[in-house]
């Protein structure tokens, strides 16, 4: 498991990915998720990538804002499953994020990295 510090995240292990193209890094992220899903007993796409491509075809009609909205809903459901209380009302959510929303976009990317690291494996 990664140590969630600068030194831990910029390690020899993660350094080997920095010289890859963005497409290669994204492909590796997908590969890791495929492996995790299979290990958890979900659909095993590891030997059938064509099936995964077929399964995502319906999502190609989604706009970027719809894809991000879907990810937010997934994050919400994961948080609730872990025991968090998340408001359903959009106005309550906007109130909850008013401080976070003021962060620079680049800081939000770093915050997502840190929080993803800190969540780690909690199965």
PDB file of N, CA and C in Angstrom:
ATOM      1  N   UNK A   1       0.842  -1.173   0.000  1.00  0.00           N
ATOM      2  CA  UNK A   1       0.000   0.000   0.000  1.00  0.00           C
ATOM      3  C   UNK A   1       0.895   1.245   0.000  1.00  0.00           C
ATOM      4  N   UNK A   2       0.507   2.229  -0.739  1.00  0.00           N
ATOM      5  CA  UNK A   2       1.289   3.457  -0.835  1.00  0.00           C
ATOM      6  C   UNK A   2       1.258   4.226   0.478  1.00  0.00           C
ATOM      7  N   UNK A   3       2.401   4.826   0.805  1.00  0.00           N
ATOM      8  CA  UNK A   3       2.448   5.754   1.920  1.00  0.00           C
ATOM      9  C   UNK A   3       1.995   7.098   1.380  1.00  0.00           C
ATOM     10  N   UNK A   4       1.038   7.706   2.034  1.00  0.00           N
ATOM     11  CA  UNK A   4       0.405   8.920   1.505  1.00  0.00           C
ATOM     12  C   UNK A   4       1.171  10.180   1.901  1.00  0.00           C
ATOM     13  N   UNK A   5       2.436  10.188   1.567  1.00  0.00           N
ATOM     14  CA  UNK A   5       3.291  11.362   1.737  1.00  0.00           C
ATOM     15  C   UNK A   5       3.919  11.647   0.380  1.00  0.00           C
ATOM     16  N   UNK A   6       4.523  12.807   0.249  1.00  0.00           N
ATOM     17  CA  UNK A   6       5.202  13.127  -1.015  1.00  0.00           C
ATOM     18  C   UNK A   6       6.234  12.060  -1.339  1.00  0.00           C
ATOM     19  N   UNK A   7       7.031  11.694  -0.343  1.00  0.00           N
ATOM     20  CA  UNK A   7       8.076  10.696  -0.565  1.00  0.00           C
ATOM     21  C   UNK A   7       7.470   9.337  -0.909  1.00  0.00           C
ATOM     22  N   UNK A   8       6.351   9.011  -0.250  1.00  0.00           N
ATOM     23  CA  UNK A   8       5.705   7.729  -0.512  1.00  0.00           C
ATOM     24  C   UNK A   8       5.067   7.652  -1.883  1.00  0.00           C
ATOM     25  N   UNK A   9       4.519   8.770  -2.343  1.00  0.00           N
ATOM     26  CA  UNK A   9       3.849   8.782  -3.637  1.00  0.00           C
ATOM     27  C   UNK A   9       4.818   8.942  -4.797  1.00  0.00           C
ATOM     28  N   UNK A  10       5.948   9.592  -4.545  1.00  0.00           N
ATOM     29  CA  UNK A  10       6.993   9.702  -5.567  1.00  0.00           C
ATOM     30  C   UNK A  10       8.068   8.683  -5.195  1.00  0.00           C
ATOM     31  N   UNK A  11       7.745   7.432  -5.407  1.00  0.00           N
ATOM     32  CA  UNK A  11       8.628   6.339  -5.022  1.00  0.00           C
ATOM     33  C   UNK A  11       9.218   5.691  -6.260  1.00  0.00           C
ATOM     34  N   UNK A  12      10.130   4.764  -6.049  1.00  0.00           N
ATOM     35  CA  UNK A  12      10.670   3.999  -7.169  1.00  0.00           C
ATOM     36  C   UNK A  12       9.552   3.248  -7.874  1.00  0.00           C
ATOM     37  N   UNK A  13       8.597   2.767  -7.079  1.00  0.00           N
ATOM     38  CA  UNK A  13       7.478   2.021  -7.662  1.00  0.00           C
ATOM     39  C   UNK A  13       6.660   2.891  -8.612  1.00  0.00           C
ATOM     40  N   UNK A  14       6.303   4.102  -8.187  1.00  0.00           N
ATOM     41  CA  UNK A  14       5.468   4.959  -9.041  1.00  0.00           C
ATOM     42  C   UNK A  14       6.290   5.661 -10.121  1.00  0.00           C
ATOM     43  N   UNK A  15       7.583   5.825  -9.895  1.00  0.00           N
ATOM     44  CA  UNK A  15       8.439   6.523 -10.864  1.00  0.00           C
ATOM     45  C   UNK A  15       8.501   5.800 -12.204  1.00  0.00           C
ATOM     46  N   UNK A  16       8.353   4.495 -12.176  1.00  0.00           N
ATOM     47  CA  UNK A  16       8.443   3.746 -13.429  1.00  0.00           C
ATOM     48  C   UNK A  16       7.307   4.073 -14.392  1.00  0.00           C
ATOM     49  N   UNK A  17       6.258   4.732 -13.897  1.00  0.00           N
ATOM     50  CA  UNK A  17       5.134   5.076 -14.756  1.00  0.00           C
ATOM     51  C   UNK A  17       5.231   6.488 -15.334  1.00  0.00           C
ATOM     52  N   UNK A  18       6.152   7.299 -14.853  1.00  0.00           N
ATOM     53  CA  UNK A  18       6.177   8.708 -15.243  1.00  0.00           C
ATOM     54  C   UNK A  18       6.648   8.948 -16.670  1.00  0.00           C
ATOM     55  N   UNK A  19       7.421   8.041 -17.236  1.00  0.00           N
ATOM     56  CA  UNK A  19       7.902   8.237 -18.600  1.00  0.00           C
ATOM     57  C   UNK A  19       6.969   7.666 -19.653  1.00  0.00           C
ATOM     58  N   UNK A  20       5.840   7.186 -19.229  1.00  0.00           N
ATOM     59  CA  UNK A  20       4.866   6.638 -20.162  1.00  0.00           C
ATOM     60  C   UNK A  20       3.990   7.760 -20.708  1.00  0.00           C
ATOM     61  N   UNK A  21       3.323   7.469 -21.814  1.00  0.00           N
ATOM     62  CA  UNK A  21       2.382   8.451 -22.354  1.00  0.00           C
ATOM     63  C   UNK A  21       1.138   8.504 -21.468  1.00  0.00           C
ATOM     64  N   UNK A  22       0.373   9.565 -21.602  1.00  0.00           N
ATOM     65  CA  UNK A  22      -0.871   9.679 -20.840  1.00  0.00           C
ATOM     66  C   UNK A  22      -1.795   8.508 -21.159  1.00  0.00           C
ATOM     67  N   UNK A  23      -1.848   8.116 -22.426  1.00  0.00           N
ATOM     68  CA  UNK A  23      -2.678   6.976 -22.838  1.00  0.00           C
ATOM     69  C   UNK A  23      -2.210   5.696 -22.147  1.00  0.00           C
ATOM     70  N   UNK A  24      -0.907   5.489 -22.068  1.00  0.00           N
ATOM     71  CA  UNK A  24      -0.388   4.299 -21.394  1.00  0.00           C
ATOM     72  C   UNK A  24      -0.708   4.326 -19.895  1.00  0.00           C
ATOM     73  N   UNK A  25      -0.594   5.504 -19.276  1.00  0.00           N
ATOM     74  CA  UNK A  25      -0.921   5.610 -17.847  1.00  0.00           C
ATOM     75  C   UNK A  25      -2.400   5.337 -17.605  1.00  0.00           C
ATOM     76  N   UNK A  26      -3.272   5.866 -18.462  1.00  0.00           N
ATOM     77  CA  UNK A  26      -4.709   5.605 -18.344  1.00  0.00           C
ATOM     78  C   UNK A  26      -4.999   4.108 -18.526  1.00  0.00           C
ATOM     79  N   UNK A  27      -4.343   3.511 -19.520  1.00  0.00           N
ATOM     80  CA  UNK A  27      -4.534   2.080 -19.767  1.00  0.00           C
ATOM     81  C   UNK A  27      -4.107   1.258 -18.554  1.00  0.00           C
ATOM     82  N   UNK A  28      -3.037   1.656 -17.902  1.00  0.00           N
ATOM     83  CA  UNK A  28      -2.605   0.958 -16.688  1.00  0.00           C
ATOM     84  C   UNK A  28      -3.617   1.122 -15.558  1.00  0.00           C
ATOM     85  N   UNK A  29      -4.205   2.310 -15.437  1.00  0.00           N
ATOM     86  CA  UNK A  29      -5.237   2.515 -14.424  1.00  0.00           C
ATOM     87  C   UNK A  29      -6.416   1.579 -14.680  1.00  0.00           C
ATOM     88  N   UNK A  30      -6.837   1.488 -15.940  1.00  0.00           N
ATOM     89  CA  UNK A  30      -7.934   0.592 -16.300  1.00  0.00           C
ATOM     90  C   UNK A  30      -7.545  -0.851 -16.004  1.00  0.00           C
ATOM     91  N   UNK A  31      -6.327  -1.222 -16.351  1.00  0.00           N
ATOM     92  CA  UNK A  31      -5.841  -2.582 -16.090  1.00  0.00           C
ATOM     93  C   UNK A  31      -5.913  -2.906 -14.594  1.00  0.00           C
ATOM     94  N   UNK A  32      -5.465  -1.978 -13.757  1.00  0.00           N
ATOM     95  CA  UNK A  32      -5.492  -2.216 -12.307  1.00  0.00           C
ATOM     96  C   UNK A  32      -6.933  -2.374 -11.810  1.00  0.00           C
ATOM     97  N   UNK A  33      -7.851  -1.566 -12.343  1.00  0.00           N
ATOM     98  CA  UNK A  33      -9.256  -1.674 -11.950  1.00  0.00           C
ATOM     99  C   UNK A  33      -9.859  -3.002 -12.419  1.00  0.00           C
ATOM    100  N   UNK A  34      -9.492  -3.442 -13.607  1.00  0.00           N
ATOM    101  CA  UNK A  34      -9.945  -4.747 -14.108  1.00  0.00           C
ATOM    102  C   UNK A  34      -9.495  -5.851 -13.159  1.00  0.00           C
ATOM    103  N   UNK A  35      -8.231  -5.785 -12.751  1.00  0.00           N
ATOM    104  CA  UNK A  35      -7.690  -6.806 -11.847  1.00  0.00           C
ATOM    105  C   UNK A  35      -8.382  -6.763 -10.486  1.00  0.00           C
ATOM    106  N   UNK A  36      -8.624  -5.564  -9.963  1.00  0.00           N
ATOM    107  CA  UNK A  36      -9.283  -5.420  -8.664  1.00  0.00           C
ATOM    108  C   UNK A  36     -10.716  -5.966  -8.725  1.00  0.00           C
ATOM    109  N   UNK A  37     -11.449  -5.601  -9.781  1.00  0.00           N
ATOM    110  CA  UNK A  37     -12.824  -6.069  -9.928  1.00  0.00           C
ATOM    111  C   UNK A  37     -12.872  -7.598  -9.963  1.00  0.00           C
ATOM    112  N   UNK A  38     -11.979  -8.204 -10.730  1.00  0.00           N
ATOM    113  CA  UNK A  38     -11.946  -9.667 -10.822  1.00  0.00           C
ATOM    114  C   UNK A  38     -11.606 -10.284  -9.463  1.00  0.00           C
ATOM    115  N   UNK A  39     -10.647  -9.680  -8.764  1.00  0.00           N
ATOM    116  CA  UNK A  39     -10.237 -10.200  -7.460  1.00  0.00           C
ATOM    117  C   UNK A  39     -11.363 -10.117  -6.436  1.00  0.00           C
ATOM    118  N   UNK A  40     -12.257  -9.133  -6.607  1.00  0.00           N
ATOM    119  CA  UNK A  40     -13.387  -8.972  -5.690  1.00  0.00           C
ATOM    120  C   UNK A  40     -14.578  -9.852  -6.076  1.00  0.00           C
ATOM    121  N   UNK A  41     -14.419 -10.606  -7.153  1.00  0.00           N
ATOM    122  CA  UNK A  41     -15.490 -11.502  -7.573  1.00  0.00           C
ATOM    123  C   UNK A  41     -16.439 -10.901  -8.589  1.00  0.00           C
ATOM    124  N   UNK A  42     -16.097  -9.740  -9.107  1.00  0.00           N
ATOM    125  CA  UNK A  42     -16.925  -9.110 -10.135  1.00  0.00           C
ATOM    126  C   UNK A  42     -16.594  -9.673 -11.505  1.00  0.00           C
ATOM    127  N   UNK A  43     -17.137  -9.067 -12.523  1.00  0.00           N
ATOM    128  CA  UNK A  43     -16.888  -9.513 -13.892  1.00  0.00           C
ATOM    129  C   UNK A  43     -15.389  -9.515 -14.155  1.00  0.00           C
ATOM    130  N   UNK A  44     -14.901 -10.604 -14.717  1.00  0.00           N
ATOM    131  CA  UNK A  44     -13.477 -10.730 -15.012  1.00  0.00           C
ATOM    132  C   UNK A  44     -13.230 -10.393 -16.480  1.00  0.00           C
ATOM    133  N   UNK A  45     -12.837  -9.143 -16.699  1.00  0.00           N
ATOM    134  CA  UNK A  45     -12.545  -8.689 -18.057  1.00  0.00           C
ATOM    135  C   UNK A  45     -11.090  -8.936 -18.442  1.00  0.00           C
ATOM    136  N   UNK A  46     -10.298  -9.511 -17.557  1.00  0.00           N
ATOM    137  CA  UNK A  46      -8.862  -9.625 -17.810  1.00  0.00           C
ATOM    138  C   UNK A  46      -8.546 -10.449 -19.051  1.00  0.00           C
ATOM    139  N   UNK A  47      -9.389 -11.406 -19.376  1.00  0.00           N
ATOM    140  CA  UNK A  47      -9.157 -12.212 -20.567  1.00  0.00           C
ATOM    141  C   UNK A  47     -10.112 -11.850 -21.701  1.00  0.00           C
ATOM    142  N   UNK A  48     -10.935 -10.834 -21.486  1.00  0.00           N
ATOM    143  CA  UNK A  48     -11.931 -10.483 -22.488  1.00  0.00           C
ATOM    144  C   UNK A  48     -12.150  -8.972 -22.545  1.00  0.00           C
ATOM    145  N   UNK A  49     -11.111  -8.248 -22.977  1.00  0.00           N
ATOM    146  CA  UNK A  49     -11.197  -6.794 -23.058  1.00  0.00           C
ATOM    147  C   UNK A  49     -12.253  -6.362 -24.072  1.00  0.00           C
ATOM    148  N   UNK A  50     -12.457  -7.161 -25.108  1.00  0.00           N
ATOM    149  CA  UNK A  50     -13.488  -6.818 -26.094  1.00  0.00           C
ATOM    150  C   UNK A  50     -14.862  -6.765 -25.439  1.00  0.00           C
ATOM    151  N   UNK A  51     -15.117  -7.631 -24.462  1.00  0.00           N
ATOM    152  CA  UNK A  51     -16.401  -7.604 -23.755  1.00  0.00           C
ATOM    153  C   UNK A  51     -16.545  -6.307 -22.957  1.00  0.00           C
ATOM    154  N   UNK A  52     -15.455  -5.871 -22.327  1.00  0.00           N
ATOM    155  CA  UNK A  52     -15.488  -4.604 -21.586  1.00  0.00           C
ATOM    156  C   UNK A  52     -15.793  -3.453 -22.532  1.00  0.00           C
ATOM    157  N   UNK A  53     -15.151  -3.448 -23.690  1.00  0.00           N
ATOM    158  CA  UNK A  53     -15.429  -2.391 -24.666  1.00  0.00           C
ATOM    159  C   UNK A  53     -16.888  -2.437 -25.111  1.00  0.00           C
ATOM    160  N   UNK A  54     -17.428  -3.620 -25.251  1.00  0.00           N
ATOM    161  CA  UNK A  54     -18.834  -3.772 -25.622  1.00  0.00           C
ATOM    162  C   UNK A  54     -19.741  -3.268 -24.493  1.00  0.00           C
ATOM    163  N   UNK A  55     -19.369  -3.582 -23.246  1.00  0.00           N
ATOM    164  CA  UNK A  55     -20.179  -3.192 -22.093  1.00  0.00           C
ATOM    165  C   UNK A  55     -20.217  -1.678 -21.881  1.00  0.00           C
ATOM    166  N   UNK A  56     -19.195  -0.953 -22.341  1.00  0.00           N
ATOM    167  CA  UNK A  56     -19.188   0.500 -22.153  1.00  0.00           C
ATOM    168  C   UNK A  56     -19.814   1.254 -23.325  1.00  0.00           C
ATOM    169  N   UNK A  57     -20.119   0.563 -24.401  1.00  0.00           N
ATOM    170  CA  UNK A  57     -20.691   1.244 -25.576  1.00  0.00           C
ATOM    171  C   UNK A  57     -21.895   2.116 -25.245  1.00  0.00           C
ATOM    172  N   UNK A  58     -22.838   1.657 -24.404  1.00  0.00           N
ATOM    173  CA  UNK A  58     -23.991   2.519 -24.116  1.00  0.00           C
ATOM    174  C   UNK A  58     -23.599   3.845 -23.463  1.00  0.00           C
ATOM    175  N   UNK A  59     -22.461   3.881 -22.787  1.00  0.00           N
ATOM    176  CA  UNK A  59     -22.034   5.099 -22.098  1.00  0.00           C
ATOM    177  C   UNK A  59     -21.424   6.134 -23.043  1.00  0.00           C
ATOM    178  N   UNK A  60     -21.142   5.750 -24.276  1.00  0.00           N
ATOM    179  CA  UNK A  60     -20.503   6.683 -25.210  1.00  0.00           C
ATOM    180  C   UNK A  60     -21.389   7.877 -25.526  1.00  0.00           C
ATOM    181  N   UNK A  61     -22.682   7.758 -25.280  1.00  0.00           N
ATOM    182  CA  UNK A  61     -23.609   8.870 -25.528  1.00  0.00           C
ATOM    183  C   UNK A  61     -23.579   9.904 -24.403  1.00  0.00           C
ATOM    184  N   UNK A  62     -22.888   9.589 -23.318  1.00  0.00           N
ATOM    185  CA  UNK A  62     -22.865  10.503 -22.172  1.00  0.00           C
ATOM    186  C   UNK A  62     -21.952  11.698 -22.453  1.00  0.00           C
ATOM    187  N   UNK A  63     -22.422  12.865 -22.070  1.00  0.00           N
ATOM    188  CA  UNK A  63     -21.590  14.067 -22.120  1.00  0.00           C
ATOM    189  C   UNK A  63     -20.613  14.020 -20.933  1.00  0.00           C
ATOM    190  N   UNK A  64     -19.602  14.864 -20.993  1.00  0.00           N
ATOM    191  CA  UNK A  64     -18.614  14.910 -19.909  1.00  0.00           C
ATOM    192  C   UNK A  64     -19.278  15.223 -18.572  1.00  0.00           C
ATOM    193  N   UNK A  65     -20.210  16.169 -18.547  1.00  0.00           N
ATOM    194  CA  UNK A  65     -20.868  16.507 -17.282  1.00  0.00           C
ATOM    195  C   UNK A  65     -21.695  15.339 -16.755  1.00  0.00           C
ATOM    196  N   UNK A  66     -22.258  14.540 -17.652  1.00  0.00           N
ATOM    197  CA  UNK A  66     -23.008  13.364 -17.219  1.00  0.00           C
ATOM    198  C   UNK A  66     -22.079  12.288 -16.648  1.00  0.00           C
ATOM    199  N   UNK A  67     -20.914  12.115 -17.288  1.00  0.00           N
ATOM    200  CA  UNK A  67     -19.935  11.136 -16.775  1.00  0.00           C
ATOM    201  C   UNK A  67     -19.442  11.550 -15.399  1.00  0.00           C
ATOM    202  N   UNK A  68     -19.163  12.837 -15.239  1.00  0.00           N
ATOM    203  CA  UNK A  68     -18.707  13.318 -13.935  1.00  0.00           C
ATOM    204  C   UNK A  68     -19.816  13.228 -12.892  1.00  0.00           C
ATOM    205  N   UNK A  69     -21.054  13.505 -13.302  1.00  0.00           N
ATOM    206  CA  UNK A  69     -22.181  13.347 -12.390  1.00  0.00           C
ATOM    207  C   UNK A  69     -22.331  11.906 -11.930  1.00  0.00           C
ATOM    208  N   UNK A  70     -22.131  10.970 -12.851  1.00  0.00           N
ATOM    209  CA  UNK A  70     -22.204   9.553 -12.504  1.00  0.00           C
ATOM    210  C   UNK A  70     -21.091   9.189 -11.516  1.00  0.00           C
ATOM    211  N   UNK A  71     -19.889   9.713 -11.740  1.00  0.00           N
ATOM    212  CA  UNK A  71     -18.786   9.447 -10.805  1.00  0.00           C
ATOM    213  C   UNK A  71     -19.079  10.019  -9.422  1.00  0.00           C
ATOM    214  N   UNK A  72     -19.658  11.204  -9.380  1.00  0.00           N
ATOM    215  CA  UNK A  72     -20.024  11.807  -8.088  1.00  0.00           C
ATOM    216  C   UNK A  72     -21.023  10.904  -7.370  1.00  0.00           C
ATOM    217  N   UNK A  73     -22.004  10.392  -8.103  1.00  0.00           N
ATOM    218  CA  UNK A  73     -22.989   9.500  -7.493  1.00  0.00           C
ATOM    219  C   UNK A  73     -22.324   8.221  -6.978  1.00  0.00           C
ATOM    220  N   UNK A  74     -21.367   7.685  -7.737  1.00  0.00           N
ATOM    221  CA  UNK A  74     -20.625   6.502  -7.290  1.00  0.00           C
ATOM    222  C   UNK A  74     -19.855   6.821  -6.017  1.00  0.00           C
ATOM    223  N   UNK A  75     -19.170   7.973  -5.985  1.00  0.00           N
ATOM    224  CA  UNK A  75     -18.425   8.383  -4.779  1.00  0.00           C
ATOM    225  C   UNK A  75     -19.387   8.511  -3.591  1.00  0.00           C
ATOM    226  N   UNK A  76     -20.566   9.095  -3.842  1.00  0.00           N
ATOM    227  CA  UNK A  76     -21.556   9.269  -2.776  1.00  0.00           C
ATOM    228  C   UNK A  76     -22.001   7.921  -2.231  1.00  0.00           C
ATOM    229  N   UNK A  77     -22.341   7.005  -3.125  1.00  0.00           N
ATOM    230  CA  UNK A  77     -22.802   5.689  -2.690  1.00  0.00           C
ATOM    231  C   UNK A  77     -21.713   4.944  -1.919  1.00  0.00           C
ATOM    232  N   UNK A  78     -20.464   5.087  -2.330  1.00  0.00           N
ATOM    233  CA  UNK A  78     -19.351   4.462  -1.601  1.00  0.00           C
ATOM    234  C   UNK A  78     -19.222   5.071  -0.209  1.00  0.00           C
ATOM    235  N   UNK A  79     -19.347   6.392  -0.116  1.00  0.00           N
ATOM    236  CA  UNK A  79     -19.242   7.068   1.182  1.00  0.00           C
ATOM    237  C   UNK A  79     -20.367   6.635   2.113  1.00  0.00           C
ATOM    238  N   UNK A  80     -21.580   6.569   1.582  1.00  0.00           N
ATOM    239  CA  UNK A  80     -22.728   6.156   2.387  1.00  0.00           C
ATOM    240  C   UNK A  80     -22.555   4.698   2.829  1.00  0.00           C
ATOM    241  N   UNK A  81     -22.080   3.847   1.930  1.00  0.00           N
ATOM    242  CA  UNK A  81     -21.858   2.438   2.284  1.00  0.00           C
ATOM    243  C   UNK A  81     -20.813   2.304   3.389  1.00  0.00           C
ATOM    244  N   UNK A  82     -19.872   3.260   3.446  1.00  0.00           N
ATOM    245  CA  UNK A  82     -18.843   3.238   4.492  1.00  0.00           C
ATOM    246  C   UNK A  82     -19.352   3.835   5.804  1.00  0.00           C
ATOM    247  N   UNK A  83     -20.563   4.424   5.794  1.00  0.00           N
ATOM    248  CA  UNK A  83     -21.142   4.958   7.015  1.00  0.00           C
ATOM    249  C   UNK A  83     -21.289   6.463   7.069  1.00  0.00           C
ATOM    250  N   UNK A  84     -20.897   7.159   5.998  1.00  0.00           N
ATOM    251  CA  UNK A  84     -21.022   8.617   5.967  1.00  0.00           C
ATOM    252  C   UNK A  84     -22.481   9.021   5.751  1.00  0.00           C
ATOM    253  N   UNK A  85     -22.813  10.213   6.219  1.00  0.00           N
ATOM    254  CA  UNK A  85     -24.132  10.792   5.967  1.00  0.00           C
ATOM    255  C   UNK A  85     -23.947  11.911   4.955  1.00  0.00           C
ATOM    256  N   UNK A  86     -24.531  11.741   3.799  1.00  0.00           N
ATOM    257  CA  UNK A  86     -24.395  12.698   2.694  1.00  0.00           C
ATOM    258  C   UNK A  86     -25.788  13.235   2.388  1.00  0.00           C
ATOM    259  N   UNK A  87     -25.960  14.559   2.340  1.00  0.00           N
ATOM    260  CA  UNK A  87     -27.290  15.095   2.016  1.00  0.00           C
ATOM    261  C   UNK A  87     -27.703  14.753   0.586  1.00  0.00           C
ATOM    262  N   UNK A  88     -28.995  14.587   0.399  1.00  0.00           N
ATOM    263  CA  UNK A  88     -29.528  14.340  -0.938  1.00  0.00           C
ATOM    264  C   UNK A  88     -29.836  15.641  -1.668  1.00  0.00           C
ATOM    265  N   UNK A  89     -30.211  16.670  -0.925  1.00  0.00           N
ATOM    266  CA  UNK A  89     -30.612  17.942  -1.522  1.00  0.00           C
ATOM    267  C   UNK A  89     -29.405  18.665  -2.112  1.00  0.00           C
ATOM    268  N   UNK A  90     -29.523  19.089  -3.364  1.00  0.00           N
ATOM    269  CA  UNK A  90     -28.404  19.757  -4.051  1.00  0.00           C
ATOM    270  C   UNK A  90     -28.004  21.046  -3.347  1.00  0.00           C
ATOM    271  N   UNK A  91     -28.961  21.779  -2.766  1.00  0.00           N
ATOM    272  CA  UNK A  91     -28.627  23.014  -2.049  1.00  0.00           C
ATOM    273  C   UNK A  91     -27.799  22.717  -0.805  1.00  0.00           C
ATOM    274  N   UNK A  92     -28.136  21.639  -0.105  1.00  0.00           N
ATOM    275  CA  UNK A  92     -27.347  21.233   1.060  1.00  0.00           C
ATOM    276  C   UNK A  92     -25.943  20.803   0.640  1.00  0.00           C
ATOM    277  N   UNK A  93     -25.853  20.127  -0.502  1.00  0.00           N
ATOM    278  CA  UNK A  93     -24.529  19.731  -1.006  1.00  0.00           C
ATOM    279  C   UNK A  93     -23.701  20.961  -1.390  1.00  0.00           C
ATOM    280  N   UNK A  94     -24.327  21.949  -2.021  1.00  0.00           N
ATOM    281  CA  UNK A  94     -23.608  23.161  -2.407  1.00  0.00           C
ATOM    282  C   UNK A  94     -23.103  23.895  -1.167  1.00  0.00           C
ATOM    283  N   UNK A  95     -23.889  23.887  -0.118  1.00  0.00           N
ATOM    284  CA  UNK A  95     -23.456  24.498   1.143  1.00  0.00           C
ATOM    285  C   UNK A  95     -22.270  23.719   1.723  1.00  0.00           C
ATOM    286  N   UNK A  96     -22.319  22.391   1.604  1.00  0.00           N
ATOM    287  CA  UNK A  96     -21.257  21.551   2.162  1.00  0.00           C
ATOM    288  C   UNK A  96     -19.920  21.748   1.445  1.00  0.00           C
ATOM    289  N   UNK A  97     -19.964  22.133   0.169  1.00  0.00           N
ATOM    290  CA  UNK A  97     -18.714  22.243  -0.600  1.00  0.00           C
ATOM    291  C   UNK A  97     -18.240  23.683  -0.800  1.00  0.00           C
ATOM    292  N   UNK A  98     -18.907  24.663  -0.182  1.00  0.00           N
ATOM    293  CA  UNK A  98     -18.572  26.052  -0.515  1.00  0.00           C
ATOM    294  C   UNK A  98     -17.111  26.386  -0.235  1.00  0.00           C
ATOM    295  N   UNK A  99     -16.503  25.797   0.758  1.00  0.00           N
ATOM    296  CA  UNK A  99     -15.078  26.037   1.018  1.00  0.00           C
ATOM    297  C   UNK A  99     -14.213  25.249   0.033  1.00  0.00           C
ATOM    298  N   UNK A 100     -14.579  24.009  -0.226  1.00  0.00           N
ATOM    299  CA  UNK A 100     -13.810  23.153  -1.135  1.00  0.00           C
ATOM    300  C   UNK A 100     -13.832  23.720  -2.546  1.00  0.00           C
ATOM    301  N   UNK A 101     -14.974  24.247  -2.940  1.00  0.00           N
ATOM    302  CA  UNK A 101     -15.166  24.767  -4.291  1.00  0.00           C
ATOM    303  C   UNK A 101     -14.215  25.917  -4.611  1.00  0.00           C
ATOM    304  N   UNK A 102     -13.745  26.610  -3.581  1.00  0.00           N
ATOM    305  CA  UNK A 102     -12.863  27.760  -3.783  1.00  0.00           C
ATOM    306  C   UNK A 102     -11.415  27.363  -4.063  1.00  0.00           C
ATOM    307  N   UNK A 103     -11.096  26.086  -3.909  1.00  0.00           N
ATOM    308  CA  UNK A 103      -9.726  25.634  -4.164  1.00  0.00           C
ATOM    309  C   UNK A 103      -9.400  25.736  -5.654  1.00  0.00           C
ATOM    310  N   UNK A 104      -8.120  25.934  -5.941  1.00  0.00           N
ATOM    311  CA  UNK A 104      -7.683  25.956  -7.338  1.00  0.00           C
ATOM    312  C   UNK A 104      -7.899  24.576  -7.953  1.00  0.00           C
ATOM    313  N   UNK A 105      -8.215  24.512  -9.246  1.00  0.00           N
ATOM    314  CA  UNK A 105      -8.405  23.210  -9.902  1.00  0.00           C
ATOM    315  C   UNK A 105      -7.208  22.262  -9.705  1.00  0.00           C
ATOM    316  N   UNK A 106      -6.000  22.807  -9.785  1.00  0.00           N
ATOM    317  CA  UNK A 106      -4.824  21.948  -9.602  1.00  0.00           C
ATOM    318  C   UNK A 106      -4.761  21.402  -8.178  1.00  0.00           C
ATOM    319  N   UNK A 107      -5.204  22.195  -7.206  1.00  0.00           N
ATOM    320  CA  UNK A 107      -5.237  21.708  -5.822  1.00  0.00           C
ATOM    321  C   UNK A 107      -6.291  20.619  -5.652  1.00  0.00           C
ATOM    322  N   UNK A 108      -7.428  20.769  -6.330  1.00  0.00           N
ATOM    323  CA  UNK A 108      -8.454  19.735  -6.247  1.00  0.00           C
ATOM    324  C   UNK A 108      -7.938  18.407  -6.799  1.00  0.00           C
ATOM    325  N   UNK A 109      -7.144  18.456  -7.863  1.00  0.00           N
ATOM    326  CA  UNK A 109      -6.546  17.233  -8.412  1.00  0.00           C
ATOM    327  C   UNK A 109      -5.627  16.573  -7.389  1.00  0.00           C
ATOM    328  N   UNK A 110      -4.826  17.392  -6.698  1.00  0.00           N
ATOM    329  CA  UNK A 110      -3.921  16.859  -5.669  1.00  0.00           C
ATOM    330  C   UNK A 110      -4.704  16.314  -4.479  1.00  0.00           C
ATOM    331  N   UNK A 111      -5.785  16.983  -4.126  1.00  0.00           N
ATOM    332  CA  UNK A 111      -6.635  16.525  -3.023  1.00  0.00           C
ATOM    333  C   UNK A 111      -7.258  15.172  -3.376  1.00  0.00           C
ATOM    334  N   UNK A 112      -7.720  15.026  -4.620  1.00  0.00           N
ATOM    335  CA  UNK A 112      -8.265  13.737  -5.045  1.00  0.00           C
ATOM    336  C   UNK A 112      -7.217  12.634  -4.945  1.00  0.00           C
ATOM    337  N   UNK A 113      -5.992  12.936  -5.323  1.00  0.00           N
ATOM    338  CA  UNK A 113      -4.897  11.965  -5.219  1.00  0.00           C
ATOM    339  C   UNK A 113      -4.682  11.553  -3.768  1.00  0.00           C
ATOM    340  N   UNK A 114      -4.571  12.528  -2.880  1.00  0.00           N
ATOM    341  CA  UNK A 114      -4.320  12.233  -1.468  1.00  0.00           C
ATOM    342  C   UNK A 114      -5.471  11.443  -0.853  1.00  0.00           C
ATOM    343  N   UNK A 115      -6.704  11.865  -1.113  1.00  0.00           N
ATOM    344  CA  UNK A 115      -7.843  11.166  -0.529  1.00  0.00           C
ATOM    345  C   UNK A 115      -7.970   9.743  -1.068  1.00  0.00           C
ATOM    346  N   UNK A 116      -7.697   9.560  -2.352  1.00  0.00           N
ATOM    347  CA  UNK A 116      -7.727   8.217  -2.929  1.00  0.00           C
ATOM    348  C   UNK A 116      -6.676   7.339  -2.261  1.00  0.00           C
ATOM    349  N   UNK A 117      -5.505   7.897  -2.035  1.00  0.00           N
ATOM    350  CA  UNK A 117      -4.447   7.162  -1.337  1.00  0.00           C
ATOM    351  C   UNK A 117      -4.864   6.828   0.083  1.00  0.00           C
ATOM    352  N   UNK A 118      -5.387   7.819   0.794  1.00  0.00           N
ATOM    353  CA  UNK A 118      -5.757   7.596   2.189  1.00  0.00           C
ATOM    354  C   UNK A 118      -6.910   6.603   2.345  1.00  0.00           C
ATOM    355  N   UNK A 119      -7.825   6.585   1.390  1.00  0.00           N
ATOM    356  CA  UNK A 119      -8.901   5.596   1.451  1.00  0.00           C
ATOM    357  C   UNK A 119      -8.349   4.188   1.289  1.00  0.00           C
ATOM    358  N   UNK A 120      -7.362   4.058   0.402  1.00  0.00           N
ATOM    359  CA  UNK A 120      -6.696   2.777   0.246  1.00  0.00           C
ATOM    360  C   UNK A 120      -7.672   1.630   0.064  1.00  0.00           C
ATOM    361  N   UNK A 121      -7.282   0.496   0.579  1.00  0.00           N
ATOM    362  CA  UNK A 121      -8.106  -0.703   0.495  1.00  0.00           C
ATOM    363  C   UNK A 121      -8.946  -0.783   1.747  1.00  0.00           C
ATOM    364  N   UNK A 122     -10.260  -0.785   1.576  1.00  0.00           N
ATOM    365  CA  UNK A 122     -11.129  -0.874   2.753  1.00  0.00           C
ATOM    366  C   UNK A 122     -12.242  -1.893   2.531  1.00  0.00           C
ATOM    367  N   UNK A 123     -11.883  -2.964   1.836  1.00  0.00           N
ATOM    368  CA  UNK A 123     -12.883  -4.004   1.552  1.00  0.00           C
ATOM    369  C   UNK A 123     -13.102  -4.897   2.755  1.00  0.00           C
TER     370      UNK A 123
END
